[in-house]
Amino acid sequence: MDYIVSTLNNLVHQTAFLNLTWGNYLMIVVALVFLYLAIAHDFEPLLLVPIAFGMLLVNIYPDIMAAPTETSSGGLLYYFSNWTSGRSCPPSFLWASGQ
């Protein structure tokens, strides 16, 4: 039982719930409005659902965009952004682009 409590405590401290600013709350509300419009009213769901999901992901878990430091390995979106921009691409991507 103590392991479950410590795991949940770690999860809460890794998310931004303890350190949210008014800007985070505003962006979460906007993301929820986008999801509502996309799902309930069918307003461009192929655009609004991924946009809203990304907004929620970044505002609830901001470390997902973090750059690597001496103590952490960096966030998933940081590495994905570097890979898609060509800064640290795998060899197959460079071969397919003709470089």
N, C-alpha and C. Protein backbone atom coordinates (compact mmCIF):
# COMPACT_ATOMS: atom_id res chain seq x y z
N MET A 1 0.83 -1.20 0.00
CA MET A 1 0.00 0.00 0.00
C MET A 1 0.87 1.26 0.00
N ASP A 2 1.98 1.19 0.75
CA ASP A 2 2.86 2.35 0.82
C ASP A 2 3.48 2.65 -0.54
N TYR A 3 3.75 1.58 -1.33
CA TYR A 3 4.30 1.75 -2.67
C TYR A 3 3.32 2.48 -3.58
N ILE A 4 2.05 2.16 -3.48
CA ILE A 4 1.02 2.81 -4.31
C ILE A 4 0.91 4.29 -3.96
N VAL A 5 0.93 4.60 -2.67
CA VAL A 5 0.84 5.99 -2.24
C VAL A 5 2.05 6.78 -2.70
N SER A 6 3.24 6.19 -2.59
CA SER A 6 4.44 6.91 -3.03
C SER A 6 4.45 7.09 -4.55
N THR A 7 3.93 6.12 -5.29
CA THR A 7 3.85 6.24 -6.74
C THR A 7 2.88 7.34 -7.15
N LEU A 8 1.72 7.39 -6.52
CA LEU A 8 0.74 8.45 -6.82
C LEU A 8 1.28 9.82 -6.41
N ASN A 9 1.99 9.89 -5.28
CA ASN A 9 2.59 11.14 -4.85
C ASN A 9 3.63 11.61 -5.86
N ASN A 10 4.43 10.68 -6.39
CA ASN A 10 5.43 11.01 -7.41
C ASN A 10 4.75 11.51 -8.68
N LEU A 11 3.64 10.87 -9.07
CA LEU A 11 2.91 11.29 -10.26
C LEU A 11 2.37 12.71 -10.12
N VAL A 12 1.81 13.01 -8.96
CA VAL A 12 1.27 14.37 -8.74
C VAL A 12 2.40 15.40 -8.78
N HIS A 13 3.56 15.08 -8.24
CA HIS A 13 4.65 16.04 -8.23
C HIS A 13 5.32 16.18 -9.60
N GLN A 14 5.18 15.20 -10.49
CA GLN A 14 5.74 15.32 -11.84
C GLN A 14 4.84 16.11 -12.77
N THR A 15 3.58 16.18 -12.47
CA THR A 15 2.67 16.96 -13.31
C THR A 15 2.68 18.40 -12.84
N ALA A 16 2.01 19.23 -13.56
CA ALA A 16 2.01 20.66 -13.25
C ALA A 16 0.88 21.07 -12.33
N PHE A 17 0.12 20.12 -11.79
CA PHE A 17 -1.04 20.48 -10.98
C PHE A 17 -0.69 21.33 -9.77
N LEU A 18 0.49 21.16 -9.21
CA LEU A 18 0.88 21.94 -8.04
C LEU A 18 1.41 23.32 -8.42
N ASN A 19 1.79 23.51 -9.67
CA ASN A 19 2.43 24.76 -10.09
C ASN A 19 1.71 25.43 -11.26
N LEU A 20 0.43 25.18 -11.44
CA LEU A 20 -0.28 25.78 -12.57
C LEU A 20 -0.44 27.29 -12.38
N THR A 21 -0.29 28.01 -13.48
CA THR A 21 -0.53 29.45 -13.47
C THR A 21 -1.86 29.71 -14.15
N TRP A 22 -2.27 30.96 -14.18
CA TRP A 22 -3.54 31.28 -14.82
C TRP A 22 -3.47 31.01 -16.31
N GLY A 23 -2.29 31.10 -16.90
CA GLY A 23 -2.12 30.80 -18.31
C GLY A 23 -2.36 29.33 -18.61
N ASN A 24 -1.88 28.46 -17.70
CA ASN A 24 -2.13 27.03 -17.86
C ASN A 24 -3.63 26.72 -17.77
N TYR A 25 -4.29 27.32 -16.80
CA TYR A 25 -5.73 27.11 -16.67
C TYR A 25 -6.48 27.59 -17.91
N LEU A 26 -6.07 28.73 -18.43
CA LEU A 26 -6.71 29.28 -19.62
C LEU A 26 -6.52 28.34 -20.82
N MET A 27 -5.32 27.83 -21.00
CA MET A 27 -5.07 26.93 -22.13
C MET A 27 -5.79 25.60 -21.96
N ILE A 28 -5.95 25.12 -20.75
CA ILE A 28 -6.72 23.89 -20.53
C ILE A 28 -8.19 24.12 -20.86
N VAL A 29 -8.72 25.28 -20.49
CA VAL A 29 -10.11 25.60 -20.83
C VAL A 29 -10.28 25.71 -22.34
N VAL A 30 -9.34 26.35 -23.03
CA VAL A 30 -9.42 26.46 -24.48
C VAL A 30 -9.35 25.07 -25.13
N ALA A 31 -8.49 24.20 -24.61
CA ALA A 31 -8.39 22.84 -25.14
C ALA A 31 -9.69 22.08 -24.94
N LEU A 32 -10.31 22.24 -23.79
CA LEU A 32 -11.59 21.57 -23.56
C LEU A 32 -12.69 22.11 -24.46
N VAL A 33 -12.67 23.41 -24.74
CA VAL A 33 -13.63 24.00 -25.68
C VAL A 33 -13.40 23.42 -27.08
N PHE A 34 -12.14 23.31 -27.49
CA PHE A 34 -11.83 22.71 -28.80
C PHE A 34 -12.33 21.27 -28.88
N LEU A 35 -12.11 20.51 -27.82
CA LEU A 35 -12.60 19.12 -27.81
C LEU A 35 -14.12 19.08 -27.89
N TYR A 36 -14.78 19.96 -27.17
CA TYR A 36 -16.25 20.02 -27.21
C TYR A 36 -16.75 20.35 -28.61
N LEU A 37 -16.14 21.35 -29.24
CA LEU A 37 -16.56 21.72 -30.59
C LEU A 37 -16.29 20.60 -31.59
N ALA A 38 -15.17 19.92 -31.44
CA ALA A 38 -14.82 18.86 -32.38
C ALA A 38 -15.72 17.64 -32.22
N ILE A 39 -16.03 17.28 -30.99
CA ILE A 39 -16.79 16.05 -30.76
C ILE A 39 -18.29 16.29 -30.81
N ALA A 40 -18.78 17.28 -30.09
CA ALA A 40 -20.22 17.48 -29.99
C ALA A 40 -20.82 18.15 -31.22
N HIS A 41 -20.10 19.11 -31.79
CA HIS A 41 -20.65 19.87 -32.92
C HIS A 41 -20.00 19.52 -34.26
N ASP A 42 -19.03 18.61 -34.25
CA ASP A 42 -18.38 18.14 -35.48
C ASP A 42 -17.76 19.27 -36.30
N PHE A 43 -17.13 20.24 -35.60
CA PHE A 43 -16.43 21.33 -36.28
C PHE A 43 -14.98 20.92 -36.49
N GLU A 44 -14.61 20.52 -37.68
CA GLU A 44 -13.24 20.15 -38.06
C GLU A 44 -12.58 19.23 -37.02
N PRO A 45 -13.14 18.05 -36.78
CA PRO A 45 -12.56 17.19 -35.73
C PRO A 45 -11.16 16.69 -36.05
N LEU A 46 -10.81 16.57 -37.33
CA LEU A 46 -9.47 16.09 -37.66
C LEU A 46 -8.39 17.12 -37.32
N LEU A 47 -8.77 18.37 -37.18
CA LEU A 47 -7.83 19.40 -36.75
C LEU A 47 -7.91 19.68 -35.26
N LEU A 48 -9.12 19.82 -34.75
CA LEU A 48 -9.28 20.27 -33.38
C LEU A 48 -8.91 19.21 -32.34
N VAL A 49 -9.16 17.95 -32.61
CA VAL A 49 -8.84 16.92 -31.61
C VAL A 49 -7.33 16.81 -31.38
N PRO A 50 -6.48 16.72 -32.42
CA PRO A 50 -5.04 16.67 -32.13
C PRO A 50 -4.50 17.96 -31.52
N ILE A 51 -5.03 19.09 -31.95
CA ILE A 51 -4.58 20.37 -31.37
C ILE A 51 -4.93 20.41 -29.89
N ALA A 52 -6.17 20.05 -29.55
CA ALA A 52 -6.60 20.08 -28.15
C ALA A 52 -5.83 19.07 -27.31
N PHE A 53 -5.58 17.89 -27.86
CA PHE A 53 -4.82 16.88 -27.12
C PHE A 53 -3.40 17.38 -26.84
N GLY A 54 -2.77 18.01 -27.81
CA GLY A 54 -1.43 18.57 -27.61
C GLY A 54 -1.44 19.68 -26.57
N MET A 55 -2.46 20.51 -26.61
CA MET A 55 -2.56 21.59 -25.62
C MET A 55 -2.70 21.02 -24.21
N LEU A 56 -3.52 20.00 -24.06
CA LEU A 56 -3.69 19.37 -22.74
C LEU A 56 -2.40 18.70 -22.28
N LEU A 57 -1.75 18.00 -23.18
CA LEU A 57 -0.53 17.28 -22.84
C LEU A 57 0.57 18.22 -22.36
N VAL A 58 0.75 19.32 -23.05
CA VAL A 58 1.82 20.25 -22.72
C VAL A 58 1.51 21.03 -21.45
N ASN A 59 0.25 21.35 -21.22
CA ASN A 59 -0.09 22.14 -20.03
C ASN A 59 -0.21 21.29 -18.77
N ILE A 60 -0.51 20.01 -18.89
CA ILE A 60 -0.61 19.17 -17.72
C ILE A 60 0.76 18.58 -17.35
N TYR A 61 1.57 18.27 -18.35
CA TYR A 61 2.88 17.67 -18.11
C TYR A 61 3.95 18.47 -18.86
N PRO A 62 4.39 19.62 -18.30
CA PRO A 62 5.31 20.49 -19.04
C PRO A 62 6.71 19.91 -19.24
N ASP A 63 7.11 18.93 -18.43
CA ASP A 63 8.44 18.34 -18.60
C ASP A 63 8.57 17.53 -19.88
N ILE A 64 7.47 17.29 -20.57
CA ILE A 64 7.54 16.52 -21.80
C ILE A 64 8.28 17.31 -22.89
N MET A 65 8.41 18.63 -22.73
CA MET A 65 9.12 19.46 -23.69
C MET A 65 10.51 19.84 -23.22
N ALA A 66 10.93 19.34 -22.06
CA ALA A 66 12.19 19.76 -21.46
C ALA A 66 13.40 19.28 -22.26
N ALA A 67 14.41 20.13 -22.31
CA ALA A 67 15.69 19.76 -22.92
C ALA A 67 16.48 18.91 -21.93
N PRO A 68 17.36 18.04 -22.43
CA PRO A 68 18.14 17.21 -21.51
C PRO A 68 19.09 18.04 -20.65
N THR A 69 19.23 17.63 -19.42
CA THR A 69 20.16 18.26 -18.48
C THR A 69 21.06 17.17 -17.90
N GLU A 70 21.88 17.53 -16.94
CA GLU A 70 22.75 16.54 -16.31
C GLU A 70 21.97 15.52 -15.50
N THR A 71 20.80 15.92 -14.98
CA THR A 71 20.02 15.02 -14.12
C THR A 71 18.85 14.36 -14.83
N SER A 72 18.45 14.84 -16.00
CA SER A 72 17.32 14.22 -16.71
C SER A 72 17.68 13.99 -18.16
N SER A 73 16.95 13.10 -18.79
CA SER A 73 17.25 12.75 -20.18
C SER A 73 16.47 13.58 -21.18
N GLY A 74 15.59 14.45 -20.74
CA GLY A 74 14.81 15.27 -21.65
C GLY A 74 13.45 14.66 -21.91
N GLY A 75 12.57 15.47 -22.49
CA GLY A 75 11.22 15.02 -22.74
C GLY A 75 11.02 14.45 -24.13
N LEU A 76 9.94 13.73 -24.30
CA LEU A 76 9.64 13.07 -25.56
C LEU A 76 9.45 14.08 -26.69
N LEU A 77 8.71 15.16 -26.46
CA LEU A 77 8.48 16.14 -27.51
C LEU A 77 9.75 16.87 -27.91
N TYR A 78 10.71 17.02 -27.00
CA TYR A 78 11.99 17.63 -27.33
C TYR A 78 12.71 16.79 -28.37
N TYR A 79 12.78 15.48 -28.15
CA TYR A 79 13.47 14.61 -29.09
C TYR A 79 12.71 14.49 -30.41
N PHE A 80 11.38 14.45 -30.35
CA PHE A 80 10.59 14.38 -31.57
C PHE A 80 10.79 15.64 -32.41
N SER A 81 10.84 16.80 -31.77
CA SER A 81 11.06 18.05 -32.48
C SER A 81 12.43 18.08 -33.14
N ASN A 82 13.45 17.62 -32.45
CA ASN A 82 14.79 17.59 -33.03
C ASN A 82 14.87 16.61 -34.19
N TRP A 83 14.18 15.47 -34.08
CA TRP A 83 14.21 14.47 -35.14
C TRP A 83 13.51 14.98 -36.39
N THR A 84 12.36 15.64 -36.23
CA THR A 84 11.62 16.12 -37.40
C THR A 84 12.27 17.33 -38.04
N SER A 85 13.06 18.09 -37.29
CA SER A 85 13.72 19.25 -37.88
C SER A 85 15.04 18.87 -38.54
N GLY A 86 15.48 17.64 -38.39
CA GLY A 86 16.69 17.17 -39.05
C GLY A 86 17.95 17.36 -38.25
N ARG A 87 17.86 17.80 -36.99
CA ARG A 87 19.07 18.03 -36.21
C ARG A 87 19.72 16.73 -35.76
N SER A 88 18.95 15.74 -35.43
CA SER A 88 19.55 14.46 -35.04
C SER A 88 18.71 13.34 -35.66
N CYS A 89 18.81 13.19 -36.96
CA CYS A 89 17.99 12.25 -37.70
C CYS A 89 18.64 10.88 -37.78
N PRO A 90 17.81 9.84 -37.81
CA PRO A 90 18.39 8.53 -38.06
C PRO A 90 18.86 8.42 -39.50
N PRO A 91 19.81 7.54 -39.81
CA PRO A 91 20.36 7.45 -41.17
C PRO A 91 19.33 7.18 -42.25
N SER A 92 18.29 6.42 -41.95
CA SER A 92 17.29 6.11 -42.98
C SER A 92 16.55 7.36 -43.43
N PHE A 93 16.34 8.31 -42.51
CA PHE A 93 15.66 9.55 -42.87
C PHE A 93 16.55 10.38 -43.80
N LEU A 94 17.84 10.42 -43.54
CA LEU A 94 18.74 11.19 -44.39
C LEU A 94 18.85 10.56 -45.78
N TRP A 95 18.83 9.22 -45.84
CA TRP A 95 18.91 8.53 -47.12
C TRP A 95 17.66 8.80 -47.95
N ALA A 96 16.49 8.80 -47.31
CA ALA A 96 15.23 9.00 -48.04
C ALA A 96 15.11 10.42 -48.56
N SER A 97 15.73 11.38 -47.86
CA SER A 97 15.61 12.77 -48.31
C SER A 97 16.66 13.13 -49.35
N GLY A 98 17.60 12.22 -49.64
CA GLY A 98 18.60 12.47 -50.66
C GLY A 98 19.79 13.26 -50.21
N GLN A 99 20.02 13.39 -48.91
CA GLN A 99 21.15 14.17 -48.42
C GLN A 99 22.38 13.34 -48.25
